[in-house]
């Protein structure tokens, strides 16, 4: 079994940022889908729109991706991955359904595997709060006290999302390199943008009256910090004594590049001053570290210097012995956790948000030697600019004028095989100049 491998290394520490261990009964999507609850065909509800299930189950849009997560296990690509891994039926294997469905340890009569990533996979088992949360006088704090996960809190949301969108120490929730080698798509994570694409409800004035709204900048920053923390939390358990960390942790494209025996062929290795590593050493996937460094410089400058030095020390330590690497990882993990807490208590005003965008696009430019870091950069620019628009701090029409530049950056980060760092940096510089014009 695939999942046995992670326990063979001995998971000795819990991942503190992981979603809570859920022992509540999962009632299934059908329990939420009544016409007086979240199952209306039109968004006409007086408090919530009440068409959330229809949005979640949309068969064609991005809002319906979670509902389709289990169904894709029956596609030819998933079946081929299963054959390569020796899994007879990926649609019934916990190594796959733990993320492509609701892992629900306790299941009620309406729970169905075919629901995919259903309501309770993100909100927690509902047996204690399902009825009471719909009452007129229900308070969000009461629902949370009864077991609902407070995913309006960026730290809680990040813990839940990272379980599947990066990995956890729970059975079946870590995509080892051998699964990637069998054909699994590359894992990517950006909390605010992914939340926006998957949102099934409106964060309007009524919503804000019932529960805190974090805002896009805070959600982005906390998500970046907790992604770094999660990776470093899982590192000790997913590291063999002889072979080092599982290759899942590394930047795919640092190894998977075109190469040739022709002496005239151009060397595709790229020197990156952010990483003090020797040629040939595999590159840790530091896309979130790069974003976090930018956020720290703006929102936690007193911590930024330590984070930068610890990041460099960690990269260097991965080329040495296991003990040194684990020590460097622990120090960096602690600083990432500190930054997550700091960001959770930061309001991120207009000036800071503009400074963050500039730090990502210009201050970090030298770090974008690799595709994965570049992809994070353009997502960050998009989500931070959207936050300014959503909060009314930038005119929507003026921001839309930047769309062609952002779209060009997205296009340059779409195909890893055509990655051109210099051209990408030039586009980011153009975007940065246009953003400055919005101040």
Protein backbone atom coordinates (compact mmCIF):
# COMPACT_ATOMS: atom_id res chain seq x y z
CA UNK A 1 0.00 0.00 0.00
CA UNK A 2 1.28 3.45 -0.89
CA UNK A 3 0.29 5.07 2.37
CA UNK A 4 2.34 2.55 4.35
CA UNK A 5 5.51 4.20 3.09
CA UNK A 6 5.02 7.36 5.10
CA UNK A 7 4.56 5.44 8.32
CA UNK A 8 7.59 3.31 7.56
CA UNK A 9 9.67 6.45 8.13
CA UNK A 10 7.96 6.96 11.49
CA UNK A 11 5.68 9.96 11.84
CA UNK A 12 6.76 11.20 15.24
CA UNK A 13 5.41 14.74 15.22
CA UNK A 14 1.96 16.01 14.37
CA UNK A 15 1.44 18.60 11.68
CA UNK A 16 0.11 21.42 13.83
CA UNK A 17 -1.32 23.29 10.85
CA UNK A 18 -3.30 20.30 9.57
CA UNK A 19 -7.07 20.20 9.62
CA UNK A 20 -8.55 18.84 12.86
CA UNK A 21 -8.96 15.10 13.26
CA UNK A 22 -12.61 14.66 12.33
CA UNK A 23 -14.47 12.02 14.34
CA UNK A 24 -17.96 13.43 13.73
CA UNK A 25 -20.52 11.67 11.56
CA UNK A 26 -20.53 12.90 7.96
CA UNK A 27 -24.13 13.09 6.82
CA UNK A 28 -23.42 13.63 3.12
CA UNK A 29 -24.21 16.37 0.62
CA UNK A 30 -27.86 15.32 0.46
CA UNK A 31 -28.24 16.50 4.05
CA UNK A 32 -27.38 20.04 2.97
CA UNK A 33 -29.29 20.06 -0.31
CA UNK A 34 -32.89 20.70 0.78
CA UNK A 35 -34.70 23.61 -0.88
CA UNK A 36 -34.96 25.36 2.50
CA UNK A 37 -31.21 24.98 3.05
CA UNK A 38 -28.53 25.13 0.34
CA UNK A 39 -30.36 23.37 -2.49
CA UNK A 40 -32.34 26.12 -4.21
CA UNK A 41 -32.16 26.43 -7.98
CA UNK A 42 -31.90 30.23 -7.77
CA UNK A 43 -29.92 32.51 -5.45
CA UNK A 44 -32.94 33.93 -3.62
CA UNK A 45 -32.19 33.17 0.04
CA UNK A 46 -32.58 36.06 2.52
CA UNK A 47 -29.32 35.40 4.43
CA UNK A 48 -27.21 33.00 2.42
CA UNK A 49 -28.13 32.67 -1.25
CA UNK A 50 -29.18 29.01 -0.67
CA UNK A 51 -28.04 27.82 -4.12
CA UNK A 52 -24.63 26.76 -2.83
CA UNK A 53 -25.07 23.07 -3.72
CA UNK A 54 -25.93 23.96 -7.31
CA UNK A 55 -22.78 26.09 -7.50
CA UNK A 56 -20.68 23.32 -5.93
CA UNK A 57 -22.05 20.74 -8.37
CA UNK A 58 -21.73 22.82 -11.55
CA UNK A 59 -20.61 20.27 -14.16
CA UNK A 60 -18.67 22.71 -16.31
CA UNK A 61 -17.23 25.58 -14.24
CA UNK A 62 -14.34 25.78 -11.78
CA UNK A 63 -16.82 26.12 -8.91
CA UNK A 64 -17.79 22.48 -9.52
CA UNK A 65 -14.31 20.99 -9.44
CA UNK A 66 -14.67 19.57 -5.92
CA UNK A 67 -17.87 17.76 -6.85
CA UNK A 68 -16.07 16.21 -9.85
CA UNK A 69 -13.00 15.14 -7.87
CA UNK A 70 -14.08 11.51 -7.41
CA UNK A 71 -15.44 11.16 -10.95
CA UNK A 72 -12.04 11.89 -12.48
CA UNK A 73 -10.75 8.68 -10.87
CA UNK A 74 -12.72 6.83 -13.54
CA UNK A 75 -10.99 8.73 -16.37
CA UNK A 76 -8.37 6.97 -18.53
CA UNK A 77 -5.50 8.98 -17.03
CA UNK A 78 -6.42 7.99 -13.47
CA UNK A 79 -6.88 4.37 -14.48
CA UNK A 80 -3.45 4.37 -16.12
CA UNK A 81 -1.88 5.80 -12.95
CA UNK A 82 -3.53 3.03 -10.96
CA UNK A 83 -2.15 0.32 -13.27
CA UNK A 84 1.38 1.70 -12.96
CA UNK A 85 1.07 1.70 -9.16
CA UNK A 86 -0.57 -1.71 -8.94
CA UNK A 87 -3.88 -0.31 -7.68
CA UNK A 88 -6.72 -2.38 -9.08
CA UNK A 89 -9.43 0.25 -8.62
CA UNK A 90 -8.32 3.82 -7.95
CA UNK A 91 -11.95 4.91 -7.46
CA UNK A 92 -12.16 2.67 -4.39
CA UNK A 93 -8.59 3.06 -3.09
CA UNK A 94 -8.07 5.16 0.06
CA UNK A 95 -4.73 6.26 -1.40
CA UNK A 96 -6.80 8.19 -3.97
CA UNK A 97 -10.21 8.81 -2.40
CA UNK A 98 -8.73 10.40 0.73
CA UNK A 99 -8.27 13.53 -1.37
CA UNK A 100 -10.54 12.89 -4.34
CA UNK A 101 -13.43 12.46 -1.94
CA UNK A 102 -14.51 13.07 1.63
CA UNK A 103 -12.35 10.75 3.79
CA UNK A 104 -15.18 10.78 6.42
CA UNK A 105 -14.12 8.31 9.14
CA UNK A 106 -17.76 7.97 10.28
CA UNK A 107 -20.43 7.98 7.59
CA UNK A 108 -24.17 8.55 7.84
CA UNK A 109 -26.81 6.89 5.63
CA UNK A 110 -26.83 9.75 3.08
CA UNK A 111 -23.06 9.88 2.62
CA UNK A 112 -21.93 8.88 -0.87
CA UNK A 113 -18.45 8.37 -2.25
CA UNK A 114 -19.66 9.76 -5.59
CA UNK A 115 -20.22 13.16 -3.96
CA UNK A 116 -16.49 13.72 -4.30
CA UNK A 117 -15.16 16.47 -2.06
CA UNK A 118 -18.47 17.24 -0.41
CA UNK A 119 -19.53 19.91 2.06
CA UNK A 120 -18.20 18.15 5.16
CA UNK A 121 -14.77 17.53 3.65
CA UNK A 122 -14.22 21.28 4.11
CA UNK A 123 -16.66 22.17 6.91
CA UNK A 124 -16.26 19.10 9.12
CA UNK A 125 -18.68 16.34 10.05
CA UNK A 126 -22.09 17.87 10.67
CA UNK A 127 -23.96 15.58 13.05
CA UNK A 128 -23.70 18.03 15.97
CA UNK A 129 -24.33 21.26 14.07
CA UNK A 130 -26.37 20.35 10.97
CA UNK A 131 -29.79 21.20 12.45
CA UNK A 132 -28.87 24.05 14.78
CA UNK A 133 -26.85 26.08 12.26
CA UNK A 134 -29.99 26.69 10.18
CA UNK A 135 -31.97 28.20 13.04
CA UNK A 136 -32.81 31.92 12.95
CA UNK A 137 -30.79 32.75 16.05
CA UNK A 138 -27.79 30.55 15.21
CA UNK A 139 -24.39 32.16 15.77
CA UNK A 140 -21.27 31.17 13.89
CA UNK A 141 -19.39 30.78 17.19
CA UNK A 142 -22.01 28.29 18.39
CA UNK A 143 -21.64 26.25 15.20
CA UNK A 144 -17.87 26.22 15.58
CA UNK A 145 -18.21 25.15 19.22
CA UNK A 146 -20.27 22.19 18.02
CA UNK A 147 -17.64 21.11 15.54
CA UNK A 148 -18.04 23.15 12.37
CA UNK A 149 -14.65 24.14 11.00
CA UNK A 150 -14.21 27.92 10.97
CA UNK A 151 -12.94 28.14 7.40
CA UNK A 152 -13.57 31.89 7.38
CA UNK A 153 -10.35 31.99 9.45
CA UNK A 154 -7.45 31.88 6.95
CA UNK A 155 -5.32 29.69 9.23
CA UNK A 156 -8.10 27.11 9.64
CA UNK A 157 -8.88 27.23 5.93
CA UNK A 158 -5.23 26.77 4.99
CA UNK A 159 -4.96 23.77 7.29
CA UNK A 160 -7.99 22.15 5.67
CA UNK A 161 -6.99 22.92 2.07
CA UNK A 162 -3.34 21.94 2.46
CA UNK A 163 -4.32 18.43 3.54
CA UNK A 164 -5.11 17.66 -0.09
CA UNK A 165 -3.53 20.54 -1.98
CA UNK A 166 -0.10 19.74 -0.56
CA UNK A 167 -0.38 16.78 1.82
CA UNK A 168 -0.74 15.73 5.44
CA UNK A 169 0.31 12.93 7.77
CA UNK A 170 -3.18 11.41 7.55
CA UNK A 171 -3.54 8.12 5.64
CA UNK A 172 -3.69 8.58 1.89
CA UNK A 173 -2.95 12.30 1.87
CA UNK A 174 0.61 12.54 0.62
CA UNK A 175 1.43 12.36 -3.09
CA UNK A 176 4.78 10.60 -3.03
CA UNK A 177 7.14 11.08 -5.98
CA UNK A 178 6.35 7.57 -7.20
CA UNK A 179 2.71 8.66 -7.63
CA UNK A 180 3.87 11.71 -9.57
CA UNK A 181 6.11 9.48 -11.70
CA UNK A 182 3.07 7.32 -12.45
CA UNK A 183 1.41 10.36 -14.03
CA UNK A 184 -0.25 12.39 -11.27
CA UNK A 185 -0.44 16.12 -12.11
CA UNK A 186 1.89 18.56 -10.38
CA UNK A 187 0.53 19.87 -7.07
CA UNK A 188 0.11 23.63 -6.75
CA UNK A 189 -1.36 25.80 -3.99
CA UNK A 190 -2.39 29.43 -3.55
CA UNK A 191 -5.03 29.87 -0.88
CA UNK A 192 -6.77 33.09 -1.90
CA UNK A 193 -6.92 32.52 -5.65
CA UNK A 194 -8.08 28.93 -5.21
CA UNK A 195 -10.69 30.10 -2.70
CA UNK A 196 -12.00 32.67 -5.17
CA UNK A 197 -12.26 30.09 -7.94
CA UNK A 198 -14.07 27.61 -5.68
CA UNK A 199 -16.29 30.02 -3.73
CA UNK A 200 -19.90 28.83 -3.41
CA UNK A 201 -21.19 31.78 -1.37
CA UNK A 202 -21.07 35.58 -1.28
CA UNK A 203 -19.00 37.39 1.35
CA UNK A 204 -21.45 40.29 1.43
CA UNK A 205 -22.51 42.61 4.25
CA UNK A 206 -24.83 39.99 5.70
CA UNK A 207 -22.00 37.46 5.74
CA UNK A 208 -19.68 39.96 7.41
CA UNK A 209 -22.28 40.64 10.10
CA UNK A 210 -22.26 36.97 11.05
CA UNK A 211 -18.56 36.12 10.84
CA UNK A 212 -15.24 37.88 10.27
CA UNK A 213 -14.06 38.37 6.69
CA UNK A 214 -10.29 38.12 6.43
CA UNK A 215 -9.85 39.66 3.00
CA UNK A 216 -7.71 38.51 0.11
CA UNK A 217 -4.33 39.90 1.16
CA UNK A 218 -4.39 38.31 4.60
CA UNK A 219 -5.66 35.03 3.16
CA UNK A 220 -2.86 35.04 0.59
CA UNK A 221 -0.14 35.85 3.14
CA UNK A 222 -1.30 33.35 5.77
CA UNK A 223 -1.67 30.70 3.07
CA UNK A 224 1.91 31.21 1.85
CA UNK A 225 3.31 31.00 5.39
CA UNK A 226 1.35 27.89 6.27
CA UNK A 227 2.29 26.17 3.01
CA UNK A 228 5.96 26.57 3.93
CA UNK A 229 5.25 25.36 7.45
CA UNK A 230 3.33 22.32 6.19
CA UNK A 231 6.08 21.19 3.83
CA UNK A 232 8.71 21.48 6.55
CA UNK A 233 6.42 19.70 9.03
CA UNK A 234 6.09 16.70 6.72
CA UNK A 235 9.76 16.60 5.78
CA UNK A 236 11.09 14.50 8.70
CA UNK A 237 8.50 11.74 8.20
CA UNK A 238 8.90 11.60 4.43
CA UNK A 239 12.70 11.38 4.45
CA UNK A 240 14.52 8.08 4.21
CA UNK A 241 17.75 7.50 6.08
CA UNK A 242 19.77 6.99 2.88
CA UNK A 243 17.86 8.69 0.10
CA UNK A 244 16.92 11.96 1.79
CA UNK A 245 13.60 13.74 1.33
CA UNK A 246 11.04 12.26 -1.02
CA UNK A 247 11.49 13.95 -4.39
CA UNK A 248 7.92 15.26 -4.15
CA UNK A 249 9.35 18.16 -2.11
CA UNK A 250 11.63 19.31 -4.91
CA UNK A 251 11.05 21.62 -7.86
CA UNK A 252 10.01 19.24 -10.67
CA UNK A 253 11.56 21.35 -13.40
CA UNK A 254 14.94 21.54 -11.71
CA UNK A 255 15.44 17.96 -12.93
CA UNK A 256 12.87 17.47 -15.69
CA UNK A 257 14.49 19.65 -18.33
CA UNK A 258 15.63 18.89 -21.84
CA UNK A 259 19.21 17.63 -21.97
CA UNK A 260 21.56 16.43 -24.68
CA UNK A 261 24.94 14.78 -25.21
CA UNK A 262 25.74 17.29 -27.93
CA UNK A 263 28.66 19.40 -26.65
CA UNK A 264 27.14 22.41 -28.40
CA UNK A 265 23.86 22.08 -26.51
CA UNK A 266 23.11 24.95 -24.17
CA UNK A 267 23.22 24.18 -20.46
CA UNK A 268 19.74 24.72 -19.03
CA UNK A 269 20.74 24.90 -15.35
CA UNK A 270 20.11 28.37 -13.96
CA UNK A 271 22.01 30.01 -11.13
CA UNK A 272 19.75 31.47 -8.46
CA UNK A 273 21.34 33.70 -5.85
CA UNK A 274 18.59 32.87 -3.36
CA UNK A 275 19.86 29.30 -3.13
CA UNK A 276 23.47 28.70 -2.07
CA UNK A 277 23.62 25.21 -3.58
CA UNK A 278 26.16 23.46 -5.77
CA UNK A 279 25.45 22.48 -9.39
CA UNK A 280 23.54 19.21 -9.64
CA UNK A 281 21.91 19.38 -6.23
CA UNK A 282 18.12 18.94 -6.53
CA UNK A 283 16.25 22.17 -5.85
CA UNK A 284 13.69 22.28 -3.05
CA UNK A 285 10.41 23.64 -4.39
CA UNK A 286 10.65 27.07 -2.80
CA UNK A 287 7.81 28.84 -4.66
CA UNK A 288 6.02 29.58 -1.38
CA UNK A 289 9.28 30.57 0.34
CA UNK A 290 9.87 33.20 -2.34
CA UNK A 291 6.38 34.64 -1.83
CA UNK A 292 6.76 34.50 1.94
CA UNK A 293 10.05 36.39 1.78
CA UNK A 294 8.29 39.22 -0.04
CA UNK A 295 5.40 39.28 2.43
CA UNK A 296 7.78 39.28 5.40
CA UNK A 297 9.76 42.26 4.07
CA UNK A 298 6.58 44.34 3.97
CA UNK A 299 4.47 43.08 6.88
CA UNK A 300 7.08 41.70 9.30
CA UNK A 301 10.43 43.34 8.51
CA UNK A 302 11.82 42.39 11.93
CA UNK A 303 11.39 38.71 11.03
CA UNK A 304 12.31 38.99 7.34
CA UNK A 305 16.08 38.94 7.86
CA UNK A 306 15.89 35.75 9.93
CA UNK A 307 13.61 34.12 7.37
CA UNK A 308 15.96 34.95 4.50
CA UNK A 309 19.05 33.64 6.30
CA UNK A 310 17.23 30.51 7.45
CA UNK A 311 15.95 29.86 3.92
CA UNK A 312 19.47 30.00 2.55
CA UNK A 313 20.75 27.81 5.37
CA UNK A 314 18.02 25.26 4.68
CA UNK A 315 18.83 25.06 0.95
CA UNK A 316 22.50 24.55 1.79
CA UNK A 317 21.78 21.97 4.50
CA UNK A 318 19.84 19.74 2.09
CA UNK A 319 23.15 18.98 0.42
CA UNK A 320 24.64 17.72 3.69
CA UNK A 321 23.73 15.18 6.35
CA UNK A 322 20.21 14.35 7.55
CA UNK A 323 20.68 15.80 11.04
CA UNK A 324 21.78 19.17 9.70
CA UNK A 325 18.94 19.28 7.20
CA UNK A 326 16.33 18.48 9.84
CA UNK A 327 17.75 21.11 12.20
CA UNK A 328 17.65 23.76 9.48
CA UNK A 329 14.12 22.71 8.53
CA UNK A 330 12.92 23.00 12.13
CA UNK A 331 14.29 26.53 12.46
CA UNK A 332 12.72 27.64 9.18
CA UNK A 333 9.42 25.98 10.08
CA UNK A 334 9.27 27.88 13.38
CA UNK A 335 9.83 31.19 11.61
CA UNK A 336 7.16 30.39 9.01
CA UNK A 337 4.73 29.66 11.85
CA UNK A 338 5.63 33.00 13.44
CA UNK A 339 4.92 34.76 10.16
CA UNK A 340 1.56 32.99 9.81
CA UNK A 341 0.54 34.30 13.24
CA UNK A 342 1.81 37.80 12.48
CA UNK A 343 -0.06 37.95 9.19
CA UNK A 344 -3.25 36.71 10.85
CA UNK A 345 -3.13 39.80 13.07
CA UNK A 346 -2.23 42.26 10.30
CA UNK A 347 -4.86 44.45 8.63
CA UNK A 348 -2.89 44.96 5.39
CA UNK A 349 -3.82 48.50 4.41
CA UNK A 350 -3.71 49.98 0.92
CA UNK A 351 -0.08 51.07 1.12
CA UNK A 352 1.06 47.65 2.33
CA UNK A 353 -0.82 45.90 -0.45
CA UNK A 354 0.77 48.06 -3.13
CA UNK A 355 4.15 47.45 -1.49
CA UNK A 356 3.49 43.69 -1.47
CA UNK A 357 2.72 43.69 -5.19
CA UNK A 358 5.94 45.59 -5.90
CA UNK A 359 7.94 43.25 -3.67
CA UNK A 360 6.60 40.21 -5.53
CA UNK A 361 6.97 41.61 -9.04
CA UNK A 362 10.18 43.63 -8.70
CA UNK A 363 11.89 42.86 -5.40
CA UNK A 364 11.75 39.12 -6.03
CA UNK A 365 12.49 39.28 -9.78
CA UNK A 366 15.91 37.61 -9.49
CA UNK A 367 14.33 34.59 -7.81
CA UNK A 368 12.15 33.65 -10.80
CA UNK A 369 14.66 31.43 -12.53
CA UNK A 370 12.24 28.52 -12.39
CA UNK A 371 8.73 27.94 -13.66
CA UNK A 372 7.05 27.12 -10.35
CA UNK A 373 8.18 30.32 -8.65
CA UNK A 374 7.04 32.31 -11.67
CA UNK A 375 3.60 30.70 -11.60
CA UNK A 376 3.24 31.73 -7.94
CA UNK A 377 4.31 35.28 -8.77
CA UNK A 378 1.63 35.88 -11.39
CA UNK A 379 -1.04 34.32 -9.16
CA UNK A 380 0.10 36.61 -6.33
CA UNK A 381 -0.12 39.70 -8.53
CA UNK A 382 -3.61 38.72 -9.59
CA UNK A 383 -4.91 37.96 -6.11
CA UNK A 384 -3.39 41.06 -4.49
CA UNK A 385 -4.70 43.37 -7.20
CA UNK A 386 -8.14 41.74 -6.91
CA UNK A 387 -8.07 42.39 -3.17
CA UNK A 388 -7.55 46.11 -3.80
CA UNK A 389 -10.51 46.14 -6.19
CA UNK A 390 -12.79 44.10 -3.93
CA UNK A 391 -12.10 46.39 -0.97
CA UNK A 392 -12.89 49.47 -3.06
CA UNK A 393 -9.34 50.81 -2.85
CA UNK A 394 -8.76 50.68 -6.61
CA UNK A 395 -11.24 51.42 -9.38
CA UNK A 396 -12.33 48.21 -11.11
CA UNK A 397 -12.17 49.73 -14.58
CA UNK A 398 -8.64 51.01 -14.02
CA UNK A 399 -7.54 47.60 -12.74
CA UNK A 400 -9.12 45.86 -15.74
CA UNK A 401 -6.85 47.88 -17.99
CA UNK A 402 -3.98 45.78 -16.58
CA UNK A 403 -5.65 42.53 -17.61
CA UNK A 404 -3.78 42.15 -20.93
CA UNK A 405 -0.43 42.43 -19.11
CA UNK A 406 -1.48 39.92 -16.46
CA UNK A 407 -2.82 37.58 -19.11
CA UNK A 408 0.51 37.75 -20.92
CA UNK A 409 2.29 36.79 -17.70
CA UNK A 410 -0.14 33.91 -17.19
CA UNK A 411 0.52 32.75 -20.75
CA UNK A 412 4.27 32.79 -20.14
CA UNK A 413 3.77 30.64 -17.01
CA UNK A 414 1.34 28.22 -18.65
CA UNK A 415 3.81 25.85 -20.30
CA UNK A 416 6.80 24.81 -18.23
CA UNK A 417 8.54 23.49 -21.35
CA UNK A 418 8.57 26.99 -22.82
CA UNK A 419 9.66 28.80 -19.66
CA UNK A 420 11.69 31.93 -20.44
CA UNK A 421 12.77 33.69 -17.21
CA UNK A 422 14.04 36.85 -18.89
CA UNK A 423 10.84 37.41 -20.88
CA UNK A 424 8.75 36.68 -17.81
CA UNK A 425 10.66 39.20 -15.70
CA UNK A 426 10.19 41.82 -18.39
CA UNK A 427 6.43 41.25 -18.35
CA UNK A 428 6.33 41.45 -14.55
CA UNK A 429 8.19 44.75 -14.71
CA UNK A 430 5.54 46.09 -17.10
CA UNK A 431 2.78 44.91 -14.78
CA UNK A 432 4.54 46.55 -11.81
CA UNK A 433 4.77 49.86 -13.66
CA UNK A 434 1.06 49.76 -14.49
CA UNK A 435 0.18 48.92 -10.89
CA UNK A 436 2.17 51.89 -9.59
CA UNK A 437 0.02 54.05 -11.82
CA UNK A 438 -3.04 52.98 -9.81
CA UNK A 439 -1.81 54.47 -6.54
